[in-house]
Amino acid sequence: MVSRSLRVGVLLVVVLLSSSVLAQEKPVEPTTEQLQKAKDEFAKIGATYDAVIDPLTKRVTHTFRLAAKTQDADLKNLPNPPFSLTLNLQSTQVTDVGLKELMEVLPKCQIGW
């Protein structure tokens, strides 16, 4: 038999986790025009686009994968759309220095490495 204090503790953890998930701010969704503009601008530097849908929250993550040839200097030409996005830098030539600068320029951007 499970003790009452253990059940209360488990319930409290579940409530806290649930409230923190519900309290998360919903990301700003781009308009059709904003998304298309971002796709066009990222395509100019060789990036590809993918809309990743979270199966639990049903939220869309707008992900741009930078080309393998991307280097630190190329990061200065990245667009800064008015919505949340993820940059995938996997297999690029971006260094730790470039990554640090990128995080300062695009603080709301999530970066996949």
C-alpha atoms as a PDB file:
ATOM      1  CA  MET A   1       0.000   0.000   0.000  1.00  0.00           C
ATOM      2  CA  VAL A   2       1.316   3.443  -0.950  1.00  0.00           C
ATOM      3  CA  SER A   3       1.595   5.926   1.880  1.00  0.00           C
ATOM      4  CA  ARG A   4      -0.562   9.027   1.865  1.00  0.00           C
ATOM      5  CA  SER A   5       2.463  11.362   1.919  1.00  0.00           C
ATOM      6  CA  LEU A   6       3.931   9.637  -1.144  1.00  0.00           C
ATOM      7  CA  ARG A   7       0.622   9.973  -3.040  1.00  0.00           C
ATOM      8  CA  VAL A   8       0.396  13.666  -2.095  1.00  0.00           C
ATOM      9  CA  GLY A   9       4.006  14.194  -3.193  1.00  0.00           C
ATOM     10  CA  VAL A  10       3.404  12.510  -6.555  1.00  0.00           C
ATOM     11  CA  LEU A  11       0.213  14.534  -7.057  1.00  0.00           C
ATOM     12  CA  LEU A  12       2.072  17.747  -6.259  1.00  0.00           C
ATOM     13  CA  VAL A  13       4.788  16.942  -8.821  1.00  0.00           C
ATOM     14  CA  VAL A  14       2.149  16.203 -11.481  1.00  0.00           C
ATOM     15  CA  VAL A  15       0.326  19.474 -10.754  1.00  0.00           C
ATOM     16  CA  LEU A  16       3.546  21.486 -10.862  1.00  0.00           C
ATOM     17  CA  LEU A  17       4.632  19.912 -14.136  1.00  0.00           C
ATOM     18  CA  SER A  18       1.206  20.444 -15.670  1.00  0.00           C
ATOM     19  CA  SER A  19       1.050  24.078 -14.628  1.00  0.00           C
ATOM     20  CA  SER A  20       4.545  24.783 -15.955  1.00  0.00           C
ATOM     21  CA  VAL A  21       3.628  23.291 -19.337  1.00  0.00           C
ATOM     22  CA  LEU A  22       0.423  25.321 -19.471  1.00  0.00           C
ATOM     23  CA  ALA A  23       2.217  28.482 -18.389  1.00  0.00           C
ATOM     24  CA  GLN A  24       4.718  28.315 -21.227  1.00  0.00           C
ATOM     25  CA  GLU A  25       4.286  31.219 -23.551  1.00  0.00           C
ATOM     26  CA  LYS A  26       2.918  30.244 -26.924  1.00  0.00           C
ATOM     27  CA  PRO A  27       5.400  31.179 -29.652  1.00  0.00           C
ATOM     28  CA  VAL A  28       4.391  33.832 -32.144  1.00  0.00           C
ATOM     29  CA  GLU A  29       3.257  32.190 -35.361  1.00  0.00           C
ATOM     30  CA  PRO A  30       4.402  33.859 -38.557  1.00  0.00           C
ATOM     31  CA  THR A  31       2.014  35.128 -41.175  1.00  0.00           C
ATOM     32  CA  THR A  32       2.118  33.369 -44.519  1.00  0.00           C
ATOM     33  CA  GLU A  33       4.045  36.318 -45.943  1.00  0.00           C
ATOM     34  CA  GLN A  34       6.595  36.379 -43.089  1.00  0.00           C
ATOM     35  CA  LEU A  35       7.248  32.660 -43.419  1.00  0.00           C
ATOM     36  CA  GLN A  36       7.640  32.859 -47.190  1.00  0.00           C
ATOM     37  CA  LYS A  37      10.015  35.820 -46.877  1.00  0.00           C
ATOM     38  CA  ALA A  38      12.135  33.875 -44.349  1.00  0.00           C
ATOM     39  CA  LYS A  39      12.156  30.797 -46.607  1.00  0.00           C
ATOM     40  CA  ASP A  40      13.289  32.921 -49.559  1.00  0.00           C
ATOM     41  CA  GLU A  41      16.001  34.703 -47.558  1.00  0.00           C
ATOM     42  CA  PHE A  42      17.371  31.492 -46.031  1.00  0.00           C
ATOM     43  CA  ALA A  43      17.284  29.773 -49.458  1.00  0.00           C
ATOM     44  CA  LYS A  44      19.600  32.511 -50.796  1.00  0.00           C
ATOM     45  CA  ILE A  45      22.306  31.249 -48.431  1.00  0.00           C
ATOM     46  CA  GLY A  46      21.629  27.585 -49.205  1.00  0.00           C
ATOM     47  CA  ALA A  47      19.414  26.711 -46.245  1.00  0.00           C
ATOM     48  CA  THR A  48      16.462  24.348 -46.446  1.00  0.00           C
ATOM     49  CA  TYR A  49      13.189  24.603 -44.506  1.00  0.00           C
ATOM     50  CA  ASP A  50      11.215  22.021 -42.557  1.00  0.00           C
ATOM     51  CA  ALA A  51       8.107  22.438 -40.403  1.00  0.00           C
ATOM     52  CA  VAL A  52       8.447  20.084 -37.428  1.00  0.00           C
ATOM     53  CA  ILE A  53       5.217  19.379 -35.546  1.00  0.00           C
ATOM     54  CA  ASP A  54       5.485  18.335 -31.898  1.00  0.00           C
ATOM     55  CA  PRO A  55       3.156  15.341 -31.463  1.00  0.00           C
ATOM     56  CA  LEU A  56       2.259  16.300 -27.879  1.00  0.00           C
ATOM     57  CA  THR A  57       1.681  20.038 -28.156  1.00  0.00           C
ATOM     58  CA  LYS A  58       0.848  20.175 -31.887  1.00  0.00           C
ATOM     59  CA  ARG A  59       3.084  23.251 -32.106  1.00  0.00           C
ATOM     60  CA  VAL A  60       5.036  23.855 -35.268  1.00  0.00           C
ATOM     61  CA  THR A  61       8.758  24.502 -35.061  1.00  0.00           C
ATOM     62  CA  HIS A  62      10.055  26.337 -38.107  1.00  0.00           C
ATOM     63  CA  THR A  63      13.454  24.805 -38.772  1.00  0.00           C
ATOM     64  CA  PHE A  64      16.093  26.003 -41.209  1.00  0.00           C
ATOM     65  CA  ARG A  65      19.025  23.687 -41.930  1.00  0.00           C
ATOM     66  CA  LEU A  66      22.108  25.595 -43.001  1.00  0.00           C
ATOM     67  CA  ALA A  67      24.235  24.228 -45.824  1.00  0.00           C
ATOM     68  CA  ALA A  68      27.330  22.160 -45.003  1.00  0.00           C
ATOM     69  CA  LYS A  69      29.535  24.856 -46.545  1.00  0.00           C
ATOM     70  CA  THR A  70      28.263  27.474 -44.028  1.00  0.00           C
ATOM     71  CA  GLN A  71      31.094  29.181 -42.135  1.00  0.00           C
ATOM     72  CA  ASP A  72      31.228  31.793 -39.387  1.00  0.00           C
ATOM     73  CA  ALA A  73      31.374  34.675 -41.876  1.00  0.00           C
ATOM     74  CA  ASP A  74      28.127  33.478 -43.505  1.00  0.00           C
ATOM     75  CA  LEU A  75      26.253  33.903 -40.228  1.00  0.00           C
ATOM     76  CA  LYS A  76      26.422  37.680 -40.582  1.00  0.00           C
ATOM     77  CA  ASN A  77      24.045  37.396 -43.565  1.00  0.00           C
ATOM     78  CA  LEU A  78      21.325  35.441 -41.785  1.00  0.00           C
ATOM     79  CA  PRO A  79      17.855  36.954 -41.774  1.00  0.00           C
ATOM     80  CA  ASN A  80      16.220  37.730 -38.437  1.00  0.00           C
ATOM     81  CA  PRO A  81      12.515  36.948 -38.880  1.00  0.00           C
ATOM     82  CA  PRO A  82       9.964  38.247 -36.345  1.00  0.00           C
ATOM     83  CA  PHE A  83       9.037  34.740 -35.197  1.00  0.00           C
ATOM     84  CA  SER A  84      10.638  31.861 -33.314  1.00  0.00           C
ATOM     85  CA  LEU A  85      12.690  29.435 -35.336  1.00  0.00           C
ATOM     86  CA  THR A  86      15.306  26.743 -35.034  1.00  0.00           C
ATOM     87  CA  LEU A  87      18.593  26.824 -36.908  1.00  0.00           C
ATOM     88  CA  ASN A  88      20.168  23.471 -37.601  1.00  0.00           C
ATOM     89  CA  LEU A  89      23.948  23.857 -37.853  1.00  0.00           C
ATOM     90  CA  GLN A  90      24.715  20.144 -37.986  1.00  0.00           C
ATOM     91  CA  SER A  91      27.509  19.309 -40.457  1.00  0.00           C
ATOM     92  CA  THR A  92      28.350  22.988 -41.046  1.00  0.00           C
ATOM     93  CA  GLN A  93      31.790  24.534 -40.668  1.00  0.00           C
ATOM     94  CA  VAL A  94      30.599  26.929 -37.952  1.00  0.00           C
ATOM     95  CA  THR A  95      33.012  27.171 -35.018  1.00  0.00           C
ATOM     96  CA  ASP A  96      32.315  27.768 -31.330  1.00  0.00           C
ATOM     97  CA  VAL A  97      33.179  31.445 -31.874  1.00  0.00           C
ATOM     98  CA  GLY A  98      30.602  31.718 -34.667  1.00  0.00           C
ATOM     99  CA  LEU A  99      28.026  29.945 -32.539  1.00  0.00           C
ATOM    100  CA  LYS A 100      28.568  32.382 -29.669  1.00  0.00           C
ATOM    101  CA  GLU A 101      28.161  35.377 -31.989  1.00  0.00           C
ATOM    102  CA  LEU A 102      25.044  33.824 -33.507  1.00  0.00           C
ATOM    103  CA  MET A 103      23.456  33.397 -30.071  1.00  0.00           C
ATOM    104  CA  GLU A 104      24.075  37.093 -29.357  1.00  0.00           C
ATOM    105  CA  VAL A 105      22.579  38.238 -32.678  1.00  0.00           C
ATOM    106  CA  LEU A 106      19.578  35.888 -32.624  1.00  0.00           C
ATOM    107  CA  PRO A 107      18.819  35.362 -28.912  1.00  0.00           C
ATOM    108  CA  LYS A 108      15.290  33.989 -29.487  1.00  0.00           C
ATOM    109  CA  CYS A 109      16.514  31.428 -31.987  1.00  0.00           C
ATOM    110  CA  GLN A 110      16.993  27.831 -30.921  1.00  0.00           C
ATOM    111  CA  ILE A 111      20.160  26.324 -32.320  1.00  0.00           C
ATOM    112  CA  GLY A 112      20.706  22.692 -33.187  1.00  0.00           C
ATOM    113  CA  TRP A 113      24.359  21.730 -33.283  1.00  0.00           C
END
